[in-house]
C-alpha cells in the first residue's frame, strides 16, 4: 500500500474514533443523568471525564496530521446516541438498559482503538500508537467496571419495578 494511502487510512480511523467518542460523550452524559443507580451513575461520570480526555487526545492526533474531525460522522454519532438514550430512558429498567448499551459500546471502542493502533503502527506513527494504548487501557477498565455491575443493576431494576423476590 503506498505511504500516502496508509496515511489517509490512518486519518480515516482517527476520524472514526473521534466520532465514536462523540457518541460516547453523549451516551455517558445521558446515562449519568438518567439512571437511578448511584454506583452506575458514578461509573458513567468517571468514564465521562476519561472520554473527554480521549476526544482531546484524538483531536490532537488529527491536528498532527493536518486533519479535522468529520462533522458528518460526529453529527450522525450524536444522533444515534440521542435516540438510543431516549429509548432507554423510556424503559422501566432504565439503569439496566443504559448499562447494557454502555457495556456493548465499550467493546466497540476497544475494537476501534485496536484497529487504529495497528494502522498507526503500519504508518509508523508511534505517537498515535501511544495514544491508542493509553485509551485502550482506560476502555478495558471501564468495560470491566460495567461488567462488574451487571447483575447488581439487574437486581436493582427488578426491585424498582416491584419484581424482586
Protein backbone atom coordinates (compact mmCIF):
# COMPACT_ATOMS: atom_id res chain seq x y z
CA UNK A 1 0.00 0.00 0.00
CA UNK A 2 1.51 3.38 -0.90
CA UNK A 3 2.53 5.53 2.05
CA UNK A 4 0.08 8.34 1.23
CA UNK A 5 -2.79 5.83 1.18
CA UNK A 6 -1.65 4.45 4.51
CA UNK A 7 -1.63 7.97 5.96
CA UNK A 8 -5.10 8.60 4.54
CA UNK A 9 -6.34 5.38 6.12
CA UNK A 10 -4.85 6.42 9.46
CA UNK A 11 -6.72 9.73 9.27
CA UNK A 12 -9.91 7.83 8.39
CA UNK A 13 -9.52 5.68 11.51
CA UNK A 14 -8.81 8.78 13.60
CA UNK A 15 -11.99 10.46 12.33
CA UNK A 16 -13.90 7.25 13.03
CA UNK A 17 -12.72 7.05 16.65
CA UNK A 18 -13.35 10.76 17.09
CA UNK A 19 -16.99 10.28 16.09
CA UNK A 20 -17.19 7.23 18.33
CA UNK A 21 -16.00 9.39 21.22
CA UNK A 22 -18.70 11.96 20.36
CA UNK A 23 -21.29 9.18 20.71
CA UNK A 24 -19.71 8.05 23.97
CA UNK A 25 -19.78 11.59 25.39
CA UNK A 26 -23.48 11.94 24.61
CA UNK A 27 -24.32 8.49 25.93
CA UNK A 28 -22.35 8.88 29.16
CA UNK A 29 -23.87 12.30 29.87
CA UNK A 30 -27.37 10.92 29.29
CA UNK A 31 -26.60 7.85 31.37
CA UNK A 32 -25.21 9.81 34.31
CA UNK A 33 -28.34 11.99 34.29
CA UNK A 34 -30.96 9.30 33.75
CA UNK A 35 -30.01 6.24 35.79
CA UNK A 36 -31.30 5.89 39.33
CA UNK A 37 -28.50 3.60 40.47
CA UNK A 38 -25.87 5.81 42.11
CA UNK A 39 -22.96 3.41 41.62
CA UNK A 40 -23.72 3.16 37.90
CA UNK A 41 -24.15 6.93 37.62
CA UNK A 42 -20.76 7.36 39.32
CA UNK A 43 -19.16 4.92 36.85
CA UNK A 44 -20.67 6.90 33.98
CA UNK A 45 -19.39 10.20 35.41
CA UNK A 46 -15.89 8.80 35.94
CA UNK A 47 -15.67 7.45 32.42
CA UNK A 48 -17.16 10.67 31.05
CA UNK A 49 -14.12 12.56 32.36
CA UNK A 50 -11.83 9.99 30.72
CA UNK A 51 -13.80 10.15 27.49
CA UNK A 52 -13.46 13.94 27.35
CA UNK A 53 -9.71 13.40 27.51
CA UNK A 54 -9.92 10.68 24.82
CA UNK A 55 -11.66 13.12 22.50
CA UNK A 56 -8.92 15.73 23.13
CA UNK A 57 -6.17 13.19 22.51
CA UNK A 58 -7.71 12.01 19.24
CA UNK A 59 -8.28 15.62 18.17
CA UNK A 60 -4.60 16.23 18.84
CA UNK A 61 -3.61 13.35 16.60
CA UNK A 62 -5.93 14.63 13.87
CA UNK A 63 -4.31 18.07 14.21
CA UNK A 64 -0.86 16.47 13.96
CA UNK A 65 -1.90 15.00 10.61
CA UNK A 66 -3.33 18.30 9.38
CA UNK A 67 -6.84 16.91 9.51
CA UNK A 68 -10.00 17.55 11.45
CA UNK A 69 -12.94 15.52 12.63
CA UNK A 70 -15.69 14.54 10.25
CA UNK A 71 -18.65 16.78 11.01
CA UNK A 72 -21.00 14.33 9.28
CA UNK A 73 -19.72 11.34 11.29
CA UNK A 74 -19.80 13.33 14.54
CA UNK A 75 -23.37 14.54 13.99
CA UNK A 76 -24.52 11.06 13.00
CA UNK A 77 -22.98 9.50 16.11
CA UNK A 78 -24.51 12.15 18.38
CA UNK A 79 -27.90 11.48 16.76
CA UNK A 80 -27.57 7.75 17.32
CA UNK A 81 -26.66 8.37 20.96
CA UNK A 82 -29.66 10.68 21.44
CA UNK A 83 -32.14 8.17 20.00
CA UNK A 84 -30.64 5.26 21.94
CA UNK A 85 -30.67 7.26 25.16
CA UNK A 86 -34.28 8.33 24.64
CA UNK A 87 -35.40 4.75 24.11
CA UNK A 88 -33.52 3.51 27.19
CA UNK A 89 -34.83 6.38 29.33
CA UNK A 90 -38.42 5.46 28.48
CA UNK A 91 -37.97 1.89 29.73
CA UNK A 92 -38.96 0.91 33.28
CA UNK A 93 -35.50 -0.60 33.69
CA UNK A 94 -33.53 2.43 32.51
CA UNK A 95 -30.42 1.68 34.57
CA UNK A 96 -30.13 -1.80 33.12
CA UNK A 97 -30.76 -0.65 29.56
CA UNK A 98 -28.17 2.12 29.86
CA UNK A 99 -25.68 -0.30 31.40
CA UNK A 100 -26.14 -2.84 28.60
CA UNK A 101 -25.67 -0.16 25.96
CA UNK A 102 -22.59 1.26 27.68
CA UNK A 103 -21.05 -2.20 28.13
CA UNK A 104 -21.54 -3.04 24.46
CA UNK A 105 -20.25 0.37 23.41
CA UNK A 106 -17.06 -0.04 25.45
CA UNK A 107 -16.29 -3.14 23.43
CA UNK A 108 -16.94 -1.25 20.18
CA UNK A 109 -14.42 1.33 21.37
CA UNK A 110 -11.90 -1.35 22.32
CA UNK A 111 -12.12 -2.88 18.84
CA UNK A 112 -11.90 0.55 17.21
CA UNK A 113 -8.78 1.55 19.14
CA UNK A 114 -7.11 -1.80 18.45
CA UNK A 115 -7.66 -1.24 14.74
CA UNK A 116 -6.41 2.35 14.98
CA UNK A 117 -3.32 1.18 16.86
CA UNK A 118 -2.48 -1.36 14.16
CA UNK A 119 -2.94 1.13 11.33
CA UNK A 120 -0.82 3.66 13.24
CA UNK A 121 1.91 1.02 13.68
CA UNK A 122 1.88 0.29 9.97
CA UNK A 123 2.02 4.01 9.21
CA UNK A 124 4.96 4.50 11.59
CA UNK A 125 3.00 6.90 13.82
CA UNK A 126 4.31 5.99 17.26
CA UNK A 127 2.52 8.90 18.95
CA UNK A 128 -0.86 7.62 17.78
CA UNK A 129 0.11 4.10 18.89
CA UNK A 130 0.85 5.50 22.36
CA UNK A 131 -2.45 7.42 22.44
CA UNK A 132 -4.36 4.30 21.39
CA UNK A 133 -2.59 2.22 24.06
CA UNK A 134 -3.39 4.77 26.76
CA UNK A 135 -7.04 4.96 25.74
CA UNK A 136 -7.32 1.18 25.39
CA UNK A 137 -6.21 0.74 28.97
CA UNK A 138 -9.00 3.02 30.17
CA UNK A 139 -11.60 1.45 27.87
CA UNK A 140 -10.76 -2.02 29.18
CA UNK A 141 -11.03 -0.76 32.77
CA UNK A 142 -14.38 0.90 32.03
CA UNK A 143 -15.70 -2.28 30.40
CA UNK A 144 -14.65 -4.28 33.48
CA UNK A 145 -16.30 -1.78 35.83
CA UNK A 146 -19.54 -2.06 33.86
CA UNK A 147 -19.27 -5.84 33.72
CA UNK A 148 -18.94 -5.96 37.49
CA UNK A 149 -22.20 -4.01 37.83
CA UNK A 150 -24.42 -6.09 35.51
CA UNK A 151 -26.07 -8.47 37.96
CA UNK A 152 -26.36 -5.90 40.75
CA UNK A 153 -28.04 -3.38 38.44
CA UNK A 154 -30.41 -6.08 37.14
CA UNK A 155 -31.45 -6.75 40.73
CA UNK A 156 -31.78 -3.01 41.36
CA UNK A 157 -34.09 -2.61 38.36
CA UNK A 158 -36.20 -5.60 39.44
CA UNK A 159 -36.62 -4.02 42.90
CA UNK A 160 -37.56 -0.69 41.28
CA UNK A 161 -40.25 -2.48 39.25
CA UNK A 162 -41.53 -4.39 42.29
CA UNK A 163 -40.37 -7.71 40.85
CA UNK A 164 -37.66 -8.66 43.34
CA UNK A 165 -38.11 -11.90 45.19
